[in-house]
Amino acid sequence: MPGDIILKMENITKRFPGVLANDHINFDLREGEVHALVGENGAGKSTLMKILYGLYHPDEGTIYIKVDGELKPVKFKNPQDAIKHGIGMVHQHFMLVYGLTTIENIILGYEPSAVIDFDTAKKEIQKIMDESGLHVPLDVDVEVLSVGQQQRVEILKVLYRKAKILILDEPTAVLTPQETDELFNIINRLKEQGHSIIFISHKLHEVMAIADRISVMRKGRLVHTMPKSEATKEKIAELMVGHPVLLDVPRPNVTPGETILEVENLTVESDTKGVMAVDNVSFYIRAGEIYGIAGVEGNGQAELIEAIYGLRPPKGGKITIKGEDITGKPTHVIRKKGVSHIPGDRHKFGVFLPFTLADNSILGHHREENFAKYGIFRKFSNIAQWAREIIKKFDVRTPSEKVPMSALSGGNQQKFVVGREISFEHELMIAAHPTRGVDIGAMEFIYRQLFEEKKQKKAILLVSADLDELLLLSDRIGVMFKGKIIKELDNTSRQVTPKEVGYYMLGGDVEIHEDSDIAGGEQSA
């Protein structure tokens, strides 16, 4: 059972120009507990944790740490101060140095002297691994480790620094279900040893599986803290958004039609010359069908999309749209053949942030007769009307089409991109991570739009790092591993489990156990 309060944040307030990021927040952590912190993007979770870790300084409020049995006020000038007080943070994006070994990464920045005693360090790290279950090879380049192993290295780094309080920021975002199970076993073992964990996540079923208490943030405020026994996914989601949210959007029953996209024996080179990112891949998608691509990121998914959309020339194979060969064609030609694209990185490939919404509404179609006379002279009234229609139909929250894209929240930027790509005539929609970086409300909206596409007999290629999303939306799922589709799963009756997909995401070399808290195919928002 959790013990006494060991950390207290009282009336924490942080302001940035034009933004009240944290508004008089009170938060506490008990010894030996997992306290989950959830909220929409922009709710203030990261700011609060950066204050706790010494990366930001609060404008108001006080942090208390238990020292010699008593809560005492502390001020952190930097992360080193936080570490000295037993606080460690494992970031969502790992802070590892490739080219160094595992042991070198663990002790980096914490060397006791200029001369490193690797034997002593190895004995200490081995003891931590035995106690925590965080076993990794110590003498190999950290780059060769799997994603799950690299995360273990990050946790070992903070434990080696004597941390008793661990902040885990979206720790399961890049893990398979099997790796998530292993992480949860490790967290439970750390709890038993008296460690306390702040667990930040958007996967509500995981929060319900691992947390002792749950705090919900909304618009910079901590709106409610509750024990897990009082929580449901629906209640958490409603607190996050401010209104009821339908977490499991019903999938429409559509009979697939003709084949729209066919990929045959496609081979695509990676950025490393001579290395194939996509290796002899074949699949097809029919009208009214959603085909999902699963896989740990970096297994060829991005290069596959780039080849289909004309952003990367294939080395071999064939791509056809309704039987017409588009292999190696430029993007503007492929768009004219009826292909729309929701990019995985909207800022890099989807929008120009300084441009107005009106300008962004015609990207890729700016020379069409409806928007430009002779392909040169812009028809401003037509463009403005087009943008207003997207804004209205897709519920984009903005004062007008004249504001710059940078003025919109991430969720509204994504809804605008989705709306634009759906609004242009197309036969195939490529949706890459369509809900990445959006809140639960926008996520539900985008799911409904993709299902509406399905009902309109569009073919959809869905690539997502969110396994729950793939299982909710996809009719069939192709699992990529090291550039190959090693397994295709029929999900028309929604019987495929996260464990089953995770098994193949790891190359099909692990056992499937269906008895864990997160294994049963429960869908999260």
Protein backbone atom coordinates (compact mmCIF):
# COMPACT_ATOMS: atom_id res chain seq x y z
CA MET A 1 0.00 0.00 0.00
CA PRO A 2 1.23 3.56 -0.72
CA GLY A 3 2.78 5.28 2.28
CA ASP A 4 3.20 8.88 3.39
CA ILE A 5 3.40 11.89 1.08
CA ILE A 6 6.99 12.34 -0.09
CA LEU A 7 6.42 15.09 -2.67
CA LYS A 8 4.06 18.04 -2.65
CA MET A 9 3.57 20.78 -5.23
CA GLU A 10 1.54 23.66 -3.81
CA ASN A 11 -0.11 26.45 -5.86
CA ILE A 12 2.31 25.99 -8.75
CA THR A 13 1.77 28.71 -11.35
CA LYS A 14 3.67 29.24 -14.59
CA ARG A 15 3.01 31.89 -17.20
CA PHE A 16 4.36 32.24 -20.70
CA PRO A 17 3.60 35.20 -22.99
CA GLY A 18 -0.16 35.05 -23.54
CA VAL A 19 -0.52 31.65 -21.86
CA LEU A 20 -1.24 30.58 -18.30
CA ALA A 21 0.31 27.12 -18.54
CA ASN A 22 -0.12 26.11 -14.89
CA ASP A 23 -2.81 27.78 -12.77
CA HIS A 24 -2.28 27.29 -8.99
CA ILE A 25 -1.83 23.52 -9.19
CA ASN A 26 -1.73 21.32 -6.10
CA PHE A 27 -0.28 17.84 -6.62
CA ASP A 28 1.23 15.27 -4.29
CA LEU A 29 2.91 11.87 -4.53
CA ARG A 30 3.03 9.09 -1.94
CA GLU A 31 5.80 6.63 -1.22
CA GLY A 32 5.42 3.41 -3.24
CA GLU A 33 2.61 4.58 -5.54
CA VAL A 34 2.01 5.20 -9.22
CA HIS A 35 0.25 8.52 -9.64
CA ALA A 36 -0.97 8.97 -13.23
CA LEU A 37 -1.17 12.45 -14.72
CA VAL A 38 -3.47 12.74 -17.73
CA GLY A 39 -4.85 15.56 -19.84
CA GLU A 40 -5.17 16.80 -23.39
CA ASN A 41 -2.22 18.22 -25.28
CA GLY A 42 -1.62 21.71 -23.95
CA ALA A 43 -3.30 20.96 -20.61
CA GLY A 44 -0.06 21.79 -18.76
CA LYS A 45 1.24 18.33 -17.81
CA SER A 46 4.67 18.75 -19.39
CA THR A 47 5.11 22.23 -17.94
CA LEU A 48 4.32 20.95 -14.45
CA MET A 49 6.78 18.07 -14.76
CA LYS A 50 9.49 20.34 -16.20
CA ILE A 51 9.06 22.53 -13.12
CA LEU A 52 9.41 19.49 -10.89
CA TYR A 53 12.53 18.41 -12.78
CA GLY A 54 14.14 21.86 -12.63
CA LEU A 55 13.86 22.66 -16.32
CA TYR A 56 11.41 25.52 -15.63
CA HIS A 57 11.05 27.73 -12.59
CA PRO A 58 7.56 28.45 -11.22
CA ASP A 59 6.30 32.03 -11.10
CA GLU A 60 4.39 31.16 -7.93
CA GLY A 61 4.11 28.20 -5.59
CA THR A 62 6.35 25.85 -3.65
CA ILE A 63 7.72 22.34 -4.05
CA TYR A 64 8.16 20.22 -0.91
CA ILE A 65 10.30 17.07 -0.65
CA LYS A 66 10.33 14.69 2.30
CA VAL A 67 13.73 14.91 4.01
CA ASP A 68 14.46 13.10 7.30
CA GLY A 69 10.78 12.32 7.74
CA GLU A 70 9.58 15.88 7.16
CA LEU A 71 8.32 17.77 4.09
CA LYS A 72 10.69 20.66 3.41
CA PRO A 73 10.52 23.39 0.74
CA VAL A 74 13.06 23.13 -2.07
CA LYS A 75 14.02 25.25 -5.08
CA PHE A 76 15.51 23.60 -8.14
CA LYS A 77 17.79 25.76 -10.28
CA ASN A 78 18.31 22.97 -12.81
CA PRO A 79 17.82 19.21 -13.30
CA GLN A 80 20.98 18.49 -11.33
CA ASP A 81 19.28 19.95 -8.25
CA ALA A 82 16.24 17.72 -8.84
CA ILE A 83 18.48 14.66 -9.25
CA LYS A 84 20.25 15.47 -5.99
CA HIS A 85 16.85 15.40 -4.29
CA GLY A 86 16.07 11.95 -5.73
CA ILE A 87 13.98 12.93 -8.76
CA GLY A 88 14.66 11.36 -12.16
CA MET A 89 12.84 11.84 -15.45
CA VAL A 90 12.57 9.41 -18.38
CA HIS A 91 11.64 11.47 -21.41
CA GLN A 92 9.37 10.23 -24.20
CA HIS A 93 12.19 10.83 -26.70
CA PHE A 94 15.21 8.99 -25.37
CA MET A 95 18.35 10.94 -24.41
CA LEU A 96 20.88 8.27 -25.40
CA VAL A 97 24.20 8.83 -27.15
CA TYR A 98 24.70 6.45 -30.07
CA GLY A 99 28.30 5.32 -30.45
CA LEU A 100 28.62 4.78 -26.69
CA THR A 101 27.98 1.49 -24.93
CA THR A 102 25.08 0.87 -22.57
CA ILE A 103 27.24 1.25 -19.47
CA GLU A 104 28.80 4.47 -20.81
CA ASN A 105 25.33 5.91 -21.39
CA ILE A 106 24.22 4.97 -17.87
CA ILE A 107 27.14 6.65 -16.10
CA LEU A 108 27.47 9.59 -18.52
CA GLY A 109 27.27 12.84 -16.54
CA TYR A 110 27.49 11.01 -13.23
CA GLU A 111 31.12 9.98 -13.28
CA PRO A 112 32.57 10.09 -9.74
CA SER A 113 35.94 11.33 -11.02
CA ALA A 114 37.96 11.93 -14.15
CA VAL A 115 39.12 8.31 -14.04
CA ILE A 116 36.16 5.96 -14.41
CA ASP A 117 36.22 2.69 -12.50
CA PHE A 118 34.12 0.61 -14.92
CA ASP A 119 34.38 -2.55 -12.81
CA THR A 120 32.85 -0.84 -9.76
CA ALA A 121 30.21 0.87 -11.91
CA LYS A 122 29.31 -2.43 -13.57
CA LYS A 123 28.87 -4.15 -10.20
CA GLU A 124 26.56 -1.36 -9.00
CA ILE A 125 24.52 -1.39 -12.22
CA GLN A 126 24.27 -5.19 -12.12
CA LYS A 127 22.88 -4.95 -8.58
CA ILE A 128 20.27 -2.43 -9.75
CA MET A 129 19.34 -4.68 -12.68
CA ASP A 130 18.93 -7.70 -10.41
CA GLU A 131 16.74 -5.77 -7.97
CA SER A 132 14.57 -4.07 -10.60
CA GLY A 133 14.45 -6.68 -13.36
CA LEU A 134 15.86 -4.14 -15.84
CA HIS A 135 18.30 -6.47 -17.57
CA VAL A 136 20.20 -5.16 -20.62
CA PRO A 137 23.59 -6.02 -22.13
CA LEU A 138 26.10 -3.46 -20.82
CA ASP A 139 29.03 -3.75 -23.23
CA VAL A 140 27.25 -3.23 -26.58
CA ASP A 141 26.62 -0.02 -28.51
CA VAL A 142 23.29 1.30 -27.22
CA GLU A 143 22.21 1.85 -30.84
CA VAL A 144 21.86 -1.90 -31.45
CA LEU A 145 19.39 -2.35 -28.58
CA SER A 146 15.66 -2.67 -29.24
CA VAL A 147 13.37 0.26 -28.38
CA GLY A 148 12.22 -1.52 -25.24
CA GLN A 149 15.81 -2.16 -24.14
CA GLN A 150 16.76 1.46 -24.80
CA GLN A 151 13.96 2.56 -22.51
CA ARG A 152 15.32 0.23 -19.82
CA VAL A 153 18.66 2.00 -20.17
CA GLU A 154 16.93 5.34 -19.58
CA ILE A 155 15.32 4.00 -16.39
CA LEU A 156 18.64 2.50 -15.26
CA LYS A 157 20.24 5.93 -15.74
CA VAL A 158 17.93 7.55 -13.20
CA LEU A 159 18.13 4.61 -10.76
CA TYR A 160 21.95 4.75 -10.95
CA ARG A 161 21.62 8.38 -9.86
CA LYS A 162 19.76 7.19 -6.73
CA ALA A 163 16.34 8.49 -7.82
CA LYS A 164 13.43 7.49 -5.60
CA ILE A 165 10.88 9.49 -7.60
CA LEU A 166 10.58 8.64 -11.31
CA ILE A 167 8.74 10.75 -13.87
CA LEU A 168 7.78 8.57 -16.85
CA ASP A 169 6.61 10.70 -19.80
CA GLU A 170 4.47 8.65 -22.23
CA PRO A 171 6.63 5.57 -21.50
CA THR A 172 4.61 3.14 -23.64
CA ALA A 173 4.30 5.33 -26.75
CA VAL A 174 6.82 3.30 -28.77
CA LEU A 175 6.43 -0.09 -27.07
CA THR A 176 4.66 -3.23 -28.24
CA PRO A 177 2.07 -4.75 -25.87
CA GLN A 178 4.61 -7.36 -24.77
CA GLU A 179 7.17 -4.65 -23.96
CA THR A 180 4.47 -2.68 -22.14
CA ASP A 181 3.70 -5.73 -19.99
CA GLU A 182 7.40 -6.00 -19.14
CA LEU A 183 7.55 -2.30 -18.25
CA PHE A 184 4.51 -2.62 -15.97
CA ASN A 185 6.13 -5.58 -14.20
CA ILE A 186 9.21 -3.43 -13.65
CA ILE A 187 7.12 -0.51 -12.36
CA ASN A 188 5.36 -2.81 -9.87
CA ARG A 189 8.70 -4.13 -8.68
CA LEU A 190 10.00 -0.59 -8.21
CA LYS A 191 6.87 0.25 -6.21
CA GLU A 192 7.54 -2.70 -3.91
CA GLN A 193 11.03 -1.35 -3.34
CA GLY A 194 9.62 2.01 -2.23
CA HIS A 195 10.01 4.01 -5.42
CA SER A 196 7.27 6.42 -6.43
CA ILE A 197 6.29 6.95 -10.06
CA ILE A 198 4.52 9.80 -11.86
CA PHE A 199 3.07 8.16 -14.97
CA ILE A 200 2.10 10.47 -17.86
CA SER A 201 0.04 8.83 -20.60
CA HIS A 202 -2.86 9.30 -23.01
CA LYS A 203 -3.68 5.58 -23.12
CA LEU A 204 -6.52 5.39 -20.66
CA HIS A 205 -6.67 1.58 -20.39
CA GLU A 206 -2.99 1.61 -19.37
CA VAL A 207 -3.63 4.29 -16.79
CA MET A 208 -6.42 2.13 -15.37
CA ALA A 209 -4.09 -0.89 -15.34
CA ILE A 210 -1.08 0.63 -13.57
CA ALA A 211 -2.12 3.69 -11.53
CA ASP A 212 -3.01 3.87 -7.83
CA ARG A 213 -4.30 7.42 -8.18
CA ILE A 214 -5.17 9.52 -11.23
CA SER A 215 -5.01 13.31 -11.59
CA VAL A 216 -6.66 15.01 -14.55
CA MET A 217 -5.51 18.35 -15.96
CA ARG A 218 -7.50 20.64 -18.24
CA LYS A 219 -6.51 24.05 -19.58
CA GLY A 220 -3.70 24.54 -17.10
CA ARG A 221 -5.65 23.44 -14.03
CA LEU A 222 -5.70 20.21 -12.08
CA VAL A 223 -9.44 19.55 -12.10
CA HIS A 224 -9.68 16.28 -10.16
CA THR A 225 -7.65 13.62 -8.36
CA MET A 226 -9.18 10.23 -7.63
CA PRO A 227 -8.18 6.72 -6.61
CA LYS A 228 -8.35 4.14 -9.38
CA SER A 229 -11.34 2.51 -7.67
CA GLU A 230 -13.42 5.60 -8.47
CA ALA A 231 -12.22 5.97 -12.07
CA THR A 232 -13.49 4.76 -15.42
CA LYS A 233 -12.08 5.53 -18.85
CA GLU A 234 -15.26 7.44 -19.68
CA LYS A 235 -15.03 9.54 -16.52
CA ILE A 236 -11.35 10.37 -17.13
CA ALA A 237 -12.03 11.33 -20.76
CA GLU A 238 -14.94 13.58 -19.77
CA LEU A 239 -12.79 15.34 -17.15
CA MET A 240 -10.02 15.83 -19.71
CA VAL A 241 -12.26 17.34 -22.39
CA GLY A 242 -15.03 18.93 -20.34
CA HIS A 243 -17.86 16.98 -21.96
CA PRO A 244 -18.76 13.31 -22.59
CA VAL A 245 -16.64 11.58 -25.25
CA LEU A 246 -17.48 8.42 -27.19
CA LEU A 247 -14.29 6.37 -26.85
CA ASP A 248 -15.25 3.45 -29.11
CA VAL A 249 -16.58 4.88 -32.38
CA PRO A 250 -18.71 2.21 -34.12
CA ARG A 251 -17.19 0.91 -37.35
CA PRO A 252 -19.57 0.99 -40.35
CA ASN A 253 -20.28 -2.29 -42.11
CA VAL A 254 -19.21 -1.79 -45.74
CA THR A 255 -18.76 -4.45 -48.40
CA PRO A 256 -15.41 -3.84 -50.14
CA GLY A 257 -15.53 -3.01 -53.84
CA GLU A 258 -12.92 -2.99 -56.60
CA THR A 259 -9.19 -2.91 -55.90
CA ILE A 260 -8.00 0.71 -55.71
CA LEU A 261 -4.34 0.39 -54.66
CA GLU A 262 -2.12 -2.55 -55.45
CA VAL A 263 1.50 -2.77 -54.37
CA GLU A 264 3.53 -5.61 -55.89
CA ASN A 265 7.01 -6.68 -54.75
CA LEU A 266 7.92 -3.10 -53.79
CA THR A 267 11.50 -2.43 -52.78
CA VAL A 268 12.57 0.98 -51.47
CA GLU A 269 16.03 2.10 -50.43
CA SER A 270 16.54 3.81 -47.08
CA ASP A 271 18.58 6.98 -46.58
CA THR A 272 21.56 4.67 -46.07
CA LYS A 273 22.61 3.72 -49.58
CA GLY A 274 22.33 0.02 -50.29
CA VAL A 275 20.04 -0.67 -47.31
CA MET A 276 16.45 -1.56 -48.19
CA ALA A 277 13.83 0.08 -45.95
CA VAL A 278 11.01 -1.68 -47.83
CA ASP A 279 11.85 -5.22 -48.91
CA ASN A 280 9.63 -6.95 -51.49
CA VAL A 281 6.31 -5.77 -50.03
CA SER A 282 2.96 -6.67 -51.61
CA PHE A 283 -0.61 -5.83 -50.57
CA TYR A 284 -3.83 -4.36 -51.96
CA ILE A 285 -6.66 -2.15 -50.72
CA ARG A 286 -10.22 -2.23 -52.01
CA ALA A 287 -12.86 0.49 -52.15
CA GLY A 288 -14.56 0.87 -48.77
CA GLU A 289 -11.69 -0.79 -46.92
CA ILE A 290 -9.18 0.43 -44.33
CA TYR A 291 -5.84 -1.35 -44.50
CA GLY A 292 -3.64 -0.73 -41.46
CA ILE A 293 0.13 -0.94 -41.33
CA ALA A 294 1.46 -1.90 -37.89
CA GLY A 295 5.05 -2.03 -36.73
CA VAL A 296 7.56 -0.49 -34.40
CA GLU A 297 8.53 2.83 -35.95
CA GLY A 298 11.56 2.60 -38.21
CA ASN A 299 10.63 -0.67 -39.89
CA GLY A 300 9.93 0.86 -43.31
CA GLN A 301 6.49 2.40 -42.83
CA ALA A 302 7.59 5.96 -43.68
CA GLU A 303 9.52 4.90 -46.76
CA LEU A 304 6.56 2.81 -47.95
CA ILE A 305 4.26 5.85 -47.85
CA GLU A 306 6.87 8.05 -49.52
CA ALA A 307 7.20 5.60 -52.40
CA ILE A 308 3.44 5.31 -52.92
CA TYR A 309 3.00 9.09 -52.79
CA GLY A 310 5.92 9.89 -55.10
CA LEU A 311 8.27 11.32 -52.49
CA ARG A 312 10.88 8.55 -52.80
CA PRO A 313 11.68 6.56 -55.96
CA PRO A 314 11.29 2.78 -55.61
CA LYS A 315 14.22 0.50 -56.45
CA GLY A 316 11.88 -2.19 -57.71
CA GLY A 317 8.31 -3.40 -57.84
CA LYS A 318 5.07 -1.86 -59.04
CA ILE A 319 2.38 0.48 -57.66
CA THR A 320 -1.00 0.82 -59.39
CA ILE A 321 -4.13 2.91 -58.78
CA LYS A 322 -7.21 1.22 -60.28
CA GLY A 323 -4.89 -0.74 -62.54
CA GLU A 324 -2.91 2.28 -63.77
CA ASP A 325 0.84 2.17 -63.10
CA ILE A 326 2.02 5.14 -61.00
CA THR A 327 5.39 3.68 -59.98
CA GLY A 328 7.97 6.45 -59.66
CA LYS A 329 5.58 9.18 -60.81
CA PRO A 330 5.95 12.64 -59.21
CA THR A 331 3.60 13.63 -56.41
CA HIS A 332 1.56 16.14 -58.42
CA VAL A 333 0.75 13.43 -60.98
CA ILE A 334 -0.19 10.95 -58.26
CA ARG A 335 -2.53 13.48 -56.64
CA LYS A 336 -4.30 13.93 -59.97
CA LYS A 337 -4.81 10.17 -60.12
CA GLY A 338 -6.95 10.45 -56.99
CA VAL A 339 -4.59 10.11 -54.03
CA SER A 340 -4.90 12.29 -50.91
CA HIS A 341 -2.40 12.30 -48.08
CA ILE A 342 -2.65 13.11 -44.38
CA PRO A 343 1.07 13.33 -43.53
CA GLY A 344 2.58 11.96 -40.35
CA ASP A 345 4.35 15.26 -39.68
CA ARG A 346 1.89 18.04 -40.48
CA HIS A 347 4.41 20.83 -39.86
CA LYS A 348 6.98 19.34 -42.21
CA PHE A 349 4.69 18.06 -44.98
CA GLY A 350 1.15 19.29 -44.33
CA VAL A 351 1.04 23.03 -43.72
CA PHE A 352 3.01 26.26 -43.94
CA LEU A 353 2.59 27.75 -40.47
CA PRO A 354 3.10 31.44 -41.47
CA PHE A 355 0.51 31.15 -44.30
CA THR A 356 -3.18 31.83 -43.73
CA LEU A 357 -5.73 29.04 -43.57
CA ALA A 358 -6.97 30.17 -46.98
CA ASP A 359 -3.51 29.69 -48.48
CA ASN A 360 -3.08 26.34 -46.75
CA SER A 361 -6.47 25.14 -47.97
CA ILE A 362 -5.27 24.80 -51.60
CA LEU A 363 -1.78 23.36 -51.11
CA GLY A 364 -1.10 20.86 -53.87
CA HIS A 365 -4.06 22.19 -55.88
CA HIS A 366 -3.08 25.85 -56.12
CA ARG A 367 -2.79 25.84 -59.92
CA GLU A 368 -6.23 24.36 -60.54
CA GLU A 369 -8.67 26.46 -62.57
CA ASN A 370 -11.02 26.97 -59.63
CA PHE A 371 -8.26 28.68 -57.65
CA ALA A 372 -5.99 30.29 -60.28
CA LYS A 373 -6.64 31.79 -63.70
CA TYR A 374 -4.25 30.30 -66.25
CA GLY A 375 -2.65 28.53 -63.29
CA ILE A 376 -1.04 31.84 -62.23
CA PHE A 377 -3.50 34.51 -61.10
CA ARG A 378 -5.14 33.62 -57.81
CA LYS A 379 -8.92 33.74 -57.44
CA PHE A 380 -9.02 35.10 -53.89
CA SER A 381 -12.78 34.92 -53.35
CA ASN A 382 -12.91 31.28 -54.48
CA ILE A 383 -9.99 30.35 -52.24
CA ALA A 384 -11.54 32.10 -49.23
CA GLN A 385 -14.88 30.39 -49.80
CA TRP A 386 -13.17 26.99 -50.15
CA ALA A 387 -11.31 27.52 -46.87
CA ARG A 388 -14.50 28.61 -45.08
CA GLU A 389 -16.26 25.44 -46.21
CA ILE A 390 -13.46 23.27 -44.78
CA ILE A 391 -13.52 25.24 -41.53
CA LYS A 392 -17.29 24.85 -41.16
CA LYS A 393 -17.60 21.21 -42.24
CA PHE A 394 -14.69 19.96 -40.15
CA ASP A 395 -15.33 22.08 -37.06
CA VAL A 396 -12.01 23.94 -37.13
CA ARG A 397 -11.97 26.46 -34.28
CA THR A 398 -10.67 29.73 -35.74
CA PRO A 399 -11.87 33.34 -36.03
CA SER A 400 -11.58 33.26 -39.82
CA GLU A 401 -9.72 31.85 -42.82
CA LYS A 402 -7.44 34.90 -42.73
CA VAL A 403 -5.49 33.94 -39.60
CA PRO A 404 -2.11 32.22 -39.95
CA MET A 405 -2.02 28.45 -39.46
CA SER A 406 0.39 29.00 -36.54
CA ALA A 407 -2.46 30.61 -34.54
CA LEU A 408 -4.39 27.33 -34.35
CA SER A 409 -3.97 24.62 -31.72
CA GLY A 410 -2.40 21.36 -32.83
CA GLY A 411 -5.75 19.59 -32.85
CA ASN A 412 -7.35 22.25 -35.03
CA GLN A 413 -4.38 22.23 -37.41
CA GLN A 414 -4.81 18.49 -37.79
CA LYS A 415 -8.57 18.75 -38.35
CA PHE A 416 -7.90 21.35 -41.05
CA VAL A 417 -5.38 19.09 -42.81
CA VAL A 418 -7.77 16.13 -42.61
CA GLY A 419 -10.59 18.29 -43.92
CA ARG A 420 -8.53 19.60 -46.81
CA GLU A 421 -7.39 16.15 -47.91
CA ILE A 422 -10.89 14.70 -47.68
CA SER A 423 -12.44 17.65 -49.53
CA PHE A 424 -10.45 17.17 -52.73
CA GLU A 425 -11.59 14.39 -55.06
CA HIS A 426 -9.74 11.14 -54.38
CA GLU A 427 -9.98 7.38 -54.59
CA LEU A 428 -7.24 6.58 -52.05
CA MET A 429 -6.56 8.26 -48.74
CA ILE A 430 -3.12 7.74 -47.19
CA ALA A 431 -3.53 8.52 -43.50
CA ALA A 432 -0.20 8.52 -41.65
CA HIS A 433 -0.56 8.88 -37.87
CA PRO A 434 -3.78 10.88 -38.40
CA THR A 435 -4.38 11.59 -34.70
CA ARG A 436 -0.78 12.12 -33.55
CA GLY A 437 -0.61 15.08 -31.20
CA VAL A 438 -4.36 15.71 -30.95
CA ASP A 439 -6.68 15.55 -27.96
CA ILE A 440 -9.42 13.01 -27.34
CA GLY A 441 -12.16 15.21 -28.76
CA ALA A 442 -10.31 15.78 -32.04
CA MET A 443 -9.36 12.10 -32.14
CA GLU A 444 -13.00 11.02 -32.00
CA PHE A 445 -13.85 13.54 -34.74
CA ILE A 446 -11.08 12.27 -37.05
CA TYR A 447 -12.13 8.65 -36.52
CA ARG A 448 -15.65 9.56 -37.59
CA GLN A 449 -14.32 11.29 -40.71
CA LEU A 450 -12.27 8.23 -41.69
CA PHE A 451 -15.30 5.99 -41.19
CA GLU A 452 -17.33 8.37 -43.35
CA GLU A 453 -14.64 7.96 -46.03
CA LYS A 454 -15.07 4.22 -45.72
CA LYS A 455 -18.83 4.55 -46.20
CA GLN A 456 -18.16 6.67 -49.31
CA LYS A 457 -16.23 3.66 -50.69
CA LYS A 458 -12.82 5.29 -50.48
CA ALA A 459 -9.77 3.10 -49.97
CA ILE A 460 -7.71 4.06 -46.92
CA LEU A 461 -4.10 3.16 -46.15
CA LEU A 462 -3.66 3.77 -42.42
CA VAL A 463 -0.23 3.88 -40.80
CA SER A 464 -0.21 4.45 -37.05
CA ALA A 465 2.09 3.88 -34.10
CA ASP A 466 -1.03 3.61 -31.91
CA LEU A 467 -2.02 -0.03 -31.84
CA ASP A 468 -5.42 0.69 -30.33
CA GLU A 469 -6.14 3.04 -33.23
CA LEU A 470 -5.20 0.41 -35.79
CA LEU A 471 -7.39 -2.21 -34.15
CA LEU A 472 -10.33 0.18 -33.92
CA LEU A 473 -10.19 1.38 -37.54
CA SER A 474 -8.63 -1.33 -39.72
CA ASP A 475 -10.36 -4.13 -41.64
CA ARG A 476 -7.04 -5.83 -42.37
CA ILE A 477 -3.64 -5.22 -40.77
CA GLY A 478 -0.25 -5.83 -42.34
CA VAL A 479 2.56 -6.03 -39.78
CA MET A 480 5.93 -4.67 -40.93
CA PHE A 481 9.18 -5.93 -39.49
CA LYS A 482 12.57 -5.01 -40.94
CA GLY A 483 11.01 -3.76 -44.16
CA LYS A 484 8.79 -6.78 -44.82
CA ILE A 485 5.11 -7.43 -44.21
CA ILE A 486 5.61 -10.62 -42.22
CA LYS A 487 1.94 -11.18 -41.39
CA GLU A 488 -1.46 -10.01 -42.57
CA LEU A 489 -4.34 -10.21 -40.07
CA ASP A 490 -8.06 -10.13 -40.84
CA ASN A 491 -9.70 -7.69 -38.40
CA THR A 492 -13.13 -7.35 -40.04
CA SER A 493 -14.82 -8.83 -36.96
CA ARG A 494 -12.49 -6.95 -34.57
CA GLN A 495 -11.17 -10.15 -33.04
CA VAL A 496 -7.46 -9.38 -33.44
CA THR A 497 -5.82 -8.58 -30.08
CA PRO A 498 -3.00 -6.16 -29.28
CA LYS A 499 -0.93 -9.14 -28.15
CA GLU A 500 -1.30 -10.86 -31.49
CA VAL A 501 -0.17 -7.79 -33.43
CA GLY A 502 2.63 -7.15 -30.93
CA TYR A 503 3.91 -10.68 -31.42
CA TYR A 504 4.56 -10.01 -35.11
CA MET A 505 5.79 -6.44 -34.46
CA LEU A 506 8.66 -8.11 -32.60
CA GLY A 507 9.30 -10.43 -35.53
CA GLY A 508 7.16 -13.31 -34.28
CA ASP A 509 9.74 -14.52 -31.78
CA VAL A 510 7.93 -14.02 -28.45
CA GLU A 511 5.14 -15.88 -26.71
CA ILE A 512 1.61 -14.49 -26.59
CA HIS A 513 0.09 -14.22 -23.12
CA GLU A 514 -3.51 -13.04 -23.01
CA ASP A 515 -3.91 -12.86 -19.24
CA SER A 516 -2.33 -9.47 -18.48
CA ASP A 517 -4.24 -6.31 -17.59
CA ILE A 518 -3.60 -4.76 -21.00
CA ALA A 519 -3.79 -7.79 -23.25
CA GLY A 520 -7.49 -8.18 -23.78
CA GLY A 521 -7.98 -5.94 -26.77
CA GLU A 522 -9.61 -3.12 -24.80
CA GLN A 523 -9.56 0.06 -26.87
CA SER A 524 -8.29 3.36 -25.54
CA ALA A 525 -8.82 6.86 -26.77
